[in-house]
C-alpha cells in the first residue's frame, strides 16, 4: 500500500495528529440544521438519485470505490449499502482552488478545510446539516463542531485535523538553524528547500516569520511585506511542491531536499524510510488545521449525503484513519490507547482534546482578504 498525505489525503495533487482531538467546533450535541427557519422536508432516500458529485482530497475516497487504494475503512458502510458506482470525485489541490471549483460546479458534498467556511456560506454554496441524521455527531469534539457553526447552524462536520510545520534532515541541518520558520530563509540551505505551492499557507508562514500577530488577518501593508519576504525566499527553493507523494516525498527520500513544508504523515513516512528527520516545533508555533464535510446547497441527495458522512465519522472509521495516516480525528472518543504507535501518539498529541488550542499552535482560519493574498501569491510566482 502506498502511503498517503494530507493534502493528498488531504492532496495527491495527510497530519498525524491524533485521533481524537482537537477541540471543537460547534456544539457537541445533535442540533438541527433548521434552527431559526422553517424546516425543509426531503423525500425518502429511495426517491433520491443516489449519484453524488463529491469535492475531495485524493486518497479520501470511500472504501469500496476503485479510487480508494489505501485500504481506508471510512465509507464502507455507505458503499456496502448503496454500492460505489454512484460516487464521482473531483479533487482538491489547495483550499483556495477548492472554493473556486465549488463556485463553478454544483457539488453534493465537499471536504475542504475550515479556513474557507465563511466563503462557502457567503456565496450560498452550502446548506446546514441536520445533525439528528448523524448518529455519531454526538461523539465529535465540541470545540471543533462549534467552529463549524455560523449563525447557530452546523455548516461543517469536522473529521480530520493535524499540524503543518517544517520537516528537516537532522543530519544535514545544524541544530542552531532549526529553531523556527526562519529556516526557510536561511541561505545556507539554498537549493535544498521546498515550500508548498499554497497561497494562504505561505502567507501565514511569512506572517509568523515577520512577527505579525494575526497571520490570517493581515493589513494591506503586511500583505505587501509578506509578499516581499516570499519573493526573497523564492530563489532558495528547489521547487514549490504540489503533491506530497509525487513531488515532495520522493525528493526528500532521494536527498534532493533536506527541508520542506510538511504535514505530520511525512514525518512518519521519512522515519519509516530510515532517514534522520525531525518535525519542527517552531519558536513561532506550528500551523494547525481541521477539515470536514459541507453539504451542497442544491443537492438532491440530502439523505444520501448524511449517510455517506456518517460512514466516515463513525468510531471505527475514525480509529482506522488515525492509525492509517496519523492524522487527528474529530471523534473525541478516539483515545491514545487506540493508536498503535505509542511514541507517535505522544509526540503528536493523539488523545489530547486541547491539542489545537495550545500556545504553540496557530490554528488556520478564514482570511477576510483572501483574494488580495491570492493575487499577491501570483506576484510571488511571477517574480
Protein backbone atom coordinates (compact mmCIF):
# COMPACT_ATOMS: atom_id res chain seq x y z
CA UNK A 1 0.00 0.00 0.00
CA UNK A 2 1.38 3.38 -0.95
CA UNK A 3 1.38 5.79 1.97
CA UNK A 4 -0.63 8.93 1.62
CA UNK A 5 -0.61 12.57 2.51
CA UNK A 6 -2.98 15.06 3.89
CA UNK A 7 -3.42 17.30 1.02
CA UNK A 8 -3.39 14.23 -0.92
CA UNK A 9 -5.16 12.56 1.88
CA UNK A 10 -5.50 15.86 2.32
CA UNK A 11 -3.60 16.05 -1.92
CA UNK A 12 -2.23 13.89 -4.20
CA UNK A 13 -2.04 16.94 -6.15
CA UNK A 14 -2.46 13.62 5.08
CA UNK A 15 -1.21 15.09 9.82
CA UNK A 16 -0.55 12.92 12.37
CA UNK A 17 -2.46 14.02 14.98
CA UNK A 18 -4.29 12.22 16.83
CA UNK A 19 -7.25 10.91 16.58
CA UNK A 20 -9.01 12.40 18.88
CA UNK A 21 -8.95 15.57 19.10
CA UNK A 22 -8.70 18.96 18.57
CA UNK A 23 -11.36 20.57 20.03
CA UNK A 24 -14.07 21.66 18.53
CA UNK A 25 -16.10 23.40 16.55
CA UNK A 26 -19.53 23.60 17.43
CA UNK A 27 -21.71 22.25 19.88
CA UNK A 28 -21.38 18.66 20.60
CA UNK A 29 -24.97 17.72 20.60
CA UNK A 30 -27.41 16.94 17.89
CA UNK A 31 -28.55 20.39 16.97
CA UNK A 32 -30.77 20.51 13.94
CA UNK A 33 -29.85 22.49 10.88
CA UNK A 34 -33.26 24.12 10.90
CA UNK A 35 -32.69 26.46 13.83
CA UNK A 36 -34.33 29.82 13.24
CA UNK A 37 -36.06 28.91 9.98
CA UNK A 38 -38.84 26.59 8.82
CA UNK A 39 -37.59 23.05 8.48
CA UNK A 40 -37.37 21.81 4.93
CA UNK A 41 -38.81 18.46 4.07
CA UNK A 42 -36.88 15.96 1.98
CA UNK A 43 -38.13 12.88 0.17
CA UNK A 44 -37.25 9.40 1.42
CA UNK A 45 -33.80 8.20 0.48
CA UNK A 46 -35.28 5.75 -2.02
CA UNK A 47 -36.58 8.68 -4.06
CA UNK A 48 -33.19 10.39 -4.27
CA UNK A 49 -30.97 9.87 -7.34
CA UNK A 50 -28.17 8.31 -5.29
CA UNK A 51 -25.47 9.74 -7.54
CA UNK A 52 -23.21 12.17 -5.75
CA UNK A 53 -20.60 14.58 -7.06
CA UNK A 54 -18.02 14.96 -4.29
CA UNK A 55 -15.20 17.51 -3.95
CA UNK A 56 -12.48 15.65 -2.09
CA UNK A 57 -8.77 15.36 -1.37
CA UNK A 58 -7.27 12.46 -3.28
CA UNK A 59 -6.85 9.48 -1.02
CA UNK A 60 -10.03 10.14 0.98
CA UNK A 61 -12.33 8.31 -1.41
CA UNK A 62 -14.82 5.93 0.21
CA UNK A 63 -13.86 2.34 0.91
CA UNK A 64 -15.18 0.12 -1.85
CA UNK A 65 -14.56 2.61 -4.66
CA UNK A 66 -11.96 1.84 -7.29
CA UNK A 67 -10.15 5.09 -6.44
CA UNK A 68 -9.59 4.10 -2.78
CA UNK A 69 -6.29 2.23 -2.93
CA UNK A 70 -5.00 2.82 0.62
CA UNK A 71 -7.34 0.47 2.43
CA UNK A 72 -9.15 3.21 4.35
CA UNK A 73 -12.22 1.93 6.20
CA UNK A 74 -14.24 5.16 6.02
CA UNK A 75 -17.16 4.95 3.61
CA UNK A 76 -17.51 1.17 3.80
CA UNK A 77 -20.92 1.28 5.47
CA UNK A 78 -22.21 3.54 2.70
CA UNK A 79 -20.83 1.65 -0.29
CA UNK A 80 -21.81 -1.66 1.29
CA UNK A 81 -25.41 -0.49 1.36
CA UNK A 82 -25.67 1.59 -1.80
CA UNK A 83 -22.69 0.48 -3.90
CA UNK A 84 -19.80 2.64 -5.14
CA UNK A 85 -20.95 3.37 -8.67
CA UNK A 86 -22.93 6.50 -7.83
CA UNK A 87 -19.91 8.32 -6.39
CA UNK A 88 -17.94 10.71 -8.57
CA UNK A 89 -14.90 12.53 -7.18
CA UNK A 90 -13.39 15.86 -8.18
CA UNK A 91 -10.08 16.56 -6.47
CA UNK A 92 -8.90 19.43 -4.33
CA UNK A 93 -5.37 20.75 -4.88
CA UNK A 94 -5.44 23.52 -2.28
CA UNK A 95 -8.06 25.34 -0.26
CA UNK A 96 -8.35 28.41 -2.50
CA UNK A 97 -8.75 26.24 -5.57
CA UNK A 98 -11.42 24.20 -3.79
CA UNK A 99 -13.74 27.11 -3.10
CA UNK A 100 -13.26 28.38 -6.66
CA UNK A 101 -14.26 24.96 -8.02
CA UNK A 102 -17.34 24.98 -5.82
CA UNK A 103 -18.30 28.34 -7.30
CA UNK A 104 -18.39 26.85 -10.79
CA UNK A 105 -19.61 23.27 -10.17
CA UNK A 106 -22.58 22.10 -8.11
CA UNK A 107 -21.32 19.51 -5.63
CA UNK A 108 -23.44 17.32 -3.40
CA UNK A 109 -20.64 17.01 -0.84
CA UNK A 110 -17.40 18.85 -0.19
CA UNK A 111 -14.48 18.03 2.12
CA UNK A 112 -12.43 21.23 2.32
CA UNK A 113 -10.79 22.78 5.34
CA UNK A 114 -12.39 25.22 7.71
CA UNK A 115 -10.44 28.29 6.58
CA UNK A 116 -12.92 28.95 3.77
CA UNK A 117 -16.15 28.01 5.53
CA UNK A 118 -17.33 31.63 5.57
CA UNK A 119 -16.77 31.90 1.79
CA UNK A 120 -18.89 28.81 1.09
CA UNK A 121 -21.70 30.17 3.26
CA UNK A 122 -21.47 33.74 1.95
CA UNK A 123 -21.66 32.52 -1.64
CA UNK A 124 -24.65 30.26 -0.98
CA UNK A 125 -22.72 27.14 -1.93
CA UNK A 126 -23.70 25.08 1.12
CA UNK A 127 -26.61 24.41 3.46
CA UNK A 128 -26.68 23.34 7.12
CA UNK A 129 -26.61 19.70 8.17
CA UNK A 130 -29.35 18.03 10.19
CA UNK A 131 -27.14 16.52 12.87
CA UNK A 132 -30.05 14.39 14.06
CA UNK A 133 -29.39 12.31 10.93
CA UNK A 134 -25.78 11.75 12.02
CA UNK A 135 -25.76 9.30 14.97
CA UNK A 136 -22.00 9.73 15.51
CA UNK A 137 -22.15 13.51 15.68
CA UNK A 138 -22.55 13.31 19.46
CA UNK A 139 -19.03 11.84 19.70
CA UNK A 140 -17.35 14.74 17.90
CA UNK A 141 -15.16 17.17 19.79
CA UNK A 142 -17.47 20.07 20.72
CA UNK A 143 -14.71 22.61 20.24
CA UNK A 144 -14.38 21.59 16.60
CA UNK A 145 -18.08 21.28 15.92
CA UNK A 146 -18.66 24.78 17.28
CA UNK A 147 -16.11 26.18 14.85
CA UNK A 148 -18.25 24.69 12.08
CA UNK A 149 -21.31 26.74 13.04
CA UNK A 150 -22.42 30.02 11.54
CA UNK A 151 -25.48 31.78 13.00
CA UNK A 152 -26.13 28.72 15.12
CA UNK A 153 -26.34 26.37 12.13
CA UNK A 154 -23.99 23.43 11.59
CA UNK A 155 -22.48 24.00 8.13
CA UNK A 156 -19.31 21.99 8.71
CA UNK A 157 -18.86 18.47 10.13
CA UNK A 158 -15.22 18.19 11.28
CA UNK A 159 -13.44 14.92 10.55
CA UNK A 160 -9.65 15.21 10.31
CA UNK A 161 -7.10 17.57 11.79
CA UNK A 162 -3.38 17.96 12.12
CA UNK A 163 -0.32 20.16 12.02
CA UNK A 164 1.79 21.81 9.38
CA UNK A 165 5.42 22.58 10.12
CA UNK A 166 8.94 22.09 8.78
CA UNK A 167 10.23 18.58 8.14
CA UNK A 168 14.03 18.60 8.07
CA UNK A 169 17.04 16.28 7.97
CA UNK A 170 18.80 16.36 11.33
CA UNK A 171 21.98 15.00 9.74
CA UNK A 172 22.06 17.87 7.23
CA UNK A 173 20.68 20.86 9.13
CA UNK A 174 22.60 22.35 12.05
CA UNK A 175 20.60 22.30 15.32
CA UNK A 176 21.11 26.02 15.82
CA UNK A 177 19.46 26.68 12.45
CA UNK A 178 16.36 24.57 13.16
CA UNK A 179 14.53 26.80 15.62
CA UNK A 180 11.70 28.37 13.64
CA UNK A 181 10.12 29.27 10.32
CA UNK A 182 13.17 31.41 9.51
CA UNK A 183 14.86 28.19 8.37
CA UNK A 184 13.08 28.65 5.03
CA UNK A 185 15.03 31.92 4.60
CA UNK A 186 18.44 30.52 5.54
CA UNK A 187 20.70 30.93 2.51
CA UNK A 188 22.98 28.20 3.82
CA UNK A 189 20.45 25.66 2.53
CA UNK A 190 19.73 27.19 -0.86
CA UNK A 191 18.51 24.55 -3.30
CA UNK A 192 17.65 22.10 -0.51
CA UNK A 193 14.34 23.69 0.47
CA UNK A 194 10.83 23.02 -0.83
CA UNK A 195 7.84 25.07 0.24
CA UNK A 196 4.29 24.03 -0.65
CA UNK A 197 2.51 25.75 -3.53
CA UNK A 198 -0.26 27.15 -1.33
CA UNK A 199 -1.07 30.85 -1.15
CA UNK A 200 -2.71 31.10 2.27
CA UNK A 201 -0.28 28.74 4.00
CA UNK A 202 2.79 30.51 2.65
CA UNK A 203 1.47 33.93 3.68
CA UNK A 204 0.75 32.51 7.13
CA UNK A 205 4.33 31.23 7.32
CA UNK A 206 5.66 34.59 6.17
CA UNK A 207 3.47 36.38 8.73
CA UNK A 208 4.84 34.22 11.54
CA UNK A 209 8.39 34.74 10.27
CA UNK A 210 7.85 38.51 10.24
CA UNK A 211 6.25 38.53 13.68
CA UNK A 212 2.78 39.66 12.64
CA UNK A 213 0.33 38.77 15.43
CA UNK A 214 -2.69 37.91 13.24
CA UNK A 215 -1.49 35.65 10.44
CA UNK A 216 -4.95 35.35 8.84
CA UNK A 217 -5.96 38.98 9.15
CA UNK A 218 -3.08 40.88 7.59
CA UNK A 219 -3.30 44.58 6.81
CA UNK A 220 -2.57 45.65 3.21
CA UNK A 221 0.90 46.77 4.28
CA UNK A 222 1.55 43.43 5.98
CA UNK A 223 0.41 41.56 2.85
CA UNK A 224 2.98 43.57 0.88
CA UNK A 225 5.71 42.83 3.42
CA UNK A 226 4.87 39.13 3.42
CA UNK A 227 4.90 39.11 -0.39
CA UNK A 228 8.35 40.70 -0.47
CA UNK A 229 9.61 38.19 2.11
CA UNK A 230 8.34 35.31 -0.04
CA UNK A 231 9.92 36.81 -3.15
CA UNK A 232 13.21 36.97 -1.24
CA UNK A 233 12.77 33.36 -0.18
CA UNK A 234 11.79 32.04 -3.61
CA UNK A 235 15.35 31.57 -5.04
CA UNK A 236 16.26 29.38 -2.06
CA UNK A 237 13.67 26.76 -3.06
CA UNK A 238 14.49 23.83 -5.25
CA UNK A 239 10.78 23.86 -6.18
CA UNK A 240 7.33 24.59 -4.80
CA UNK A 241 5.73 21.21 -4.32
CA UNK A 242 2.16 20.46 -5.38
CA UNK A 243 1.86 16.78 -4.48
CA UNK A 244 3.37 15.42 -1.30
CA UNK A 245 3.77 11.92 -2.68
CA UNK A 246 4.63 12.73 -6.28
CA UNK A 247 6.83 15.77 -5.65
CA UNK A 248 8.00 16.33 -2.11
CA UNK A 249 8.49 12.94 -0.51
CA UNK A 250 10.42 11.36 -3.42
CA UNK A 251 12.75 14.37 -3.49
CA UNK A 252 13.17 14.21 0.28
CA UNK A 253 13.93 10.49 0.24
CA UNK A 254 16.42 10.96 -2.59
CA UNK A 255 18.28 13.67 -0.67
CA UNK A 256 17.48 16.35 -3.24
CA UNK A 257 15.85 18.43 -0.50
CA UNK A 258 16.52 18.49 3.23
CA UNK A 259 13.90 20.99 4.38
CA UNK A 260 10.22 21.08 3.47
CA UNK A 261 6.82 22.40 4.49
CA UNK A 262 5.02 19.28 5.60
CA UNK A 263 2.19 17.62 7.50
CA UNK A 264 2.90 15.01 10.09
CA UNK A 265 2.36 11.98 7.91
CA UNK A 266 5.56 12.80 6.01
CA UNK A 267 7.49 12.71 9.28
CA UNK A 268 6.13 9.20 9.91
CA UNK A 269 6.98 8.07 6.38
CA UNK A 270 10.51 9.51 6.37
CA UNK A 271 11.24 7.90 9.75
CA UNK A 272 9.97 4.61 8.34
CA UNK A 273 12.34 5.06 5.38
CA UNK A 274 15.27 5.23 7.78
CA UNK A 275 16.04 8.94 7.40
CA UNK A 276 17.24 11.09 10.28
CA UNK A 277 14.42 13.62 10.42
CA UNK A 278 12.51 15.87 12.78
CA UNK A 279 9.14 17.61 12.58
CA UNK A 280 9.87 21.04 13.99
CA UNK A 281 8.15 22.82 16.84
CA UNK A 282 8.91 26.33 15.55
CA UNK A 283 9.50 29.05 18.10
CA UNK A 284 6.62 30.95 16.46
CA UNK A 285 4.32 27.89 16.70
CA UNK A 286 3.17 25.21 14.26
CA UNK A 287 0.19 25.67 11.96
CA UNK A 288 -2.93 23.73 12.90
CA UNK A 289 -5.73 22.72 10.54
CA UNK A 290 -9.04 20.92 10.56
CA UNK A 291 -11.03 19.70 7.59
CA UNK A 292 -14.54 18.35 7.29
CA UNK A 293 -17.69 17.92 5.28
CA UNK A 294 -20.04 20.52 3.81
CA UNK A 295 -23.42 19.84 2.21
CA UNK A 296 -24.11 21.28 -1.24
CA UNK A 297 -26.83 23.92 -1.29
CA UNK A 298 -28.70 22.35 -4.21
CA UNK A 299 -28.10 18.64 -3.64
CA UNK A 300 -30.91 16.24 -4.50
CA UNK A 301 -29.17 13.60 -2.37
CA UNK A 302 -29.77 15.11 1.06
CA UNK A 303 -30.25 11.80 2.86
CA UNK A 304 -27.55 10.00 0.86
CA UNK A 305 -25.09 12.73 1.84
CA UNK A 306 -25.90 12.32 5.53
CA UNK A 307 -25.45 8.54 5.35
CA UNK A 308 -22.18 8.97 3.47
CA UNK A 309 -20.77 11.32 6.12
CA UNK A 310 -21.95 9.06 8.94
CA UNK A 311 -19.91 6.28 7.34
CA UNK A 312 -16.83 8.50 7.78
CA UNK A 313 -17.40 9.89 11.27
CA UNK A 314 -18.35 6.62 12.99
CA UNK A 315 -15.89 5.48 15.65
CA UNK A 316 -14.37 2.53 13.75
CA UNK A 317 -13.65 4.68 10.68
CA UNK A 318 -12.05 7.37 12.82
CA UNK A 319 -9.77 4.94 14.65
CA UNK A 320 -8.74 3.43 11.32
CA UNK A 321 -7.98 6.85 9.83
CA UNK A 322 -5.71 7.77 12.75
CA UNK A 323 -3.72 4.54 12.54
CA UNK A 324 -3.52 4.62 8.76
CA UNK A 325 -2.50 8.22 8.22
CA UNK A 326 -1.53 9.58 11.66
CA UNK A 327 -3.93 12.49 11.40
CA UNK A 328 -6.10 13.57 14.24
CA UNK A 329 -9.78 12.67 14.28
CA UNK A 330 -12.59 14.93 15.42
CA UNK A 331 -14.06 11.91 17.21
CA UNK A 332 -13.39 12.67 20.87
CA UNK A 333 -13.87 9.01 21.79
CA UNK A 334 -10.67 8.05 19.96
CA UNK A 335 -8.03 7.74 22.66
CA UNK A 336 -4.26 7.48 22.71
CA UNK A 337 -4.72 3.84 23.66
CA UNK A 338 -6.38 3.26 20.27
CA UNK A 339 -3.21 4.34 18.48
CA UNK A 340 -0.82 1.55 17.58
CA UNK A 341 2.37 3.61 17.66
CA UNK A 342 2.55 4.89 21.24
CA UNK A 343 5.63 7.07 20.71
CA UNK A 344 3.93 8.89 17.87
CA UNK A 345 0.75 9.20 19.88
CA UNK A 346 2.74 11.11 22.48
CA UNK A 347 4.73 13.24 20.06
CA UNK A 348 1.68 14.21 18.03
CA UNK A 349 -0.66 14.76 20.96
CA UNK A 350 -3.04 12.00 19.99
CA UNK A 351 -5.81 11.79 22.51
CA UNK A 352 -5.37 15.35 23.77
CA UNK A 353 -8.63 17.28 23.26
CA UNK A 354 -6.78 20.58 23.57
CA UNK A 355 -4.08 19.79 21.01
CA UNK A 356 -5.04 22.53 18.57
CA UNK A 357 -5.67 25.19 21.17
CA UNK A 358 -2.23 25.19 22.77
CA UNK A 359 0.06 28.25 22.76
CA UNK A 360 2.40 26.56 20.26
CA UNK A 361 -0.29 26.07 17.60
CA UNK A 362 -1.62 28.69 15.18
CA UNK A 363 -5.00 27.39 14.01
CA UNK A 364 -5.67 28.34 10.41
CA UNK A 365 -8.84 30.38 9.97
CA UNK A 366 -10.75 32.49 7.45
CA UNK A 367 -8.83 35.27 5.70
CA UNK A 368 -11.14 38.24 5.05
CA UNK A 369 -8.72 39.48 2.36
CA UNK A 370 -8.06 36.08 0.78
CA UNK A 371 -8.41 37.48 -2.74
CA UNK A 372 -5.65 40.03 -2.08
CA UNK A 373 -3.43 37.27 -0.70
CA UNK A 374 -4.12 35.07 -3.72
CA UNK A 375 -3.17 37.91 -6.08
CA UNK A 376 -0.03 38.60 -4.05
CA UNK A 377 0.91 34.92 -4.31
CA UNK A 378 0.61 35.15 -8.08
CA UNK A 379 3.08 38.03 -7.94
CA UNK A 380 5.46 35.83 -5.97
CA UNK A 381 5.10 33.12 -8.63
CA UNK A 382 5.77 35.63 -11.38
CA UNK A 383 8.79 37.22 -9.67
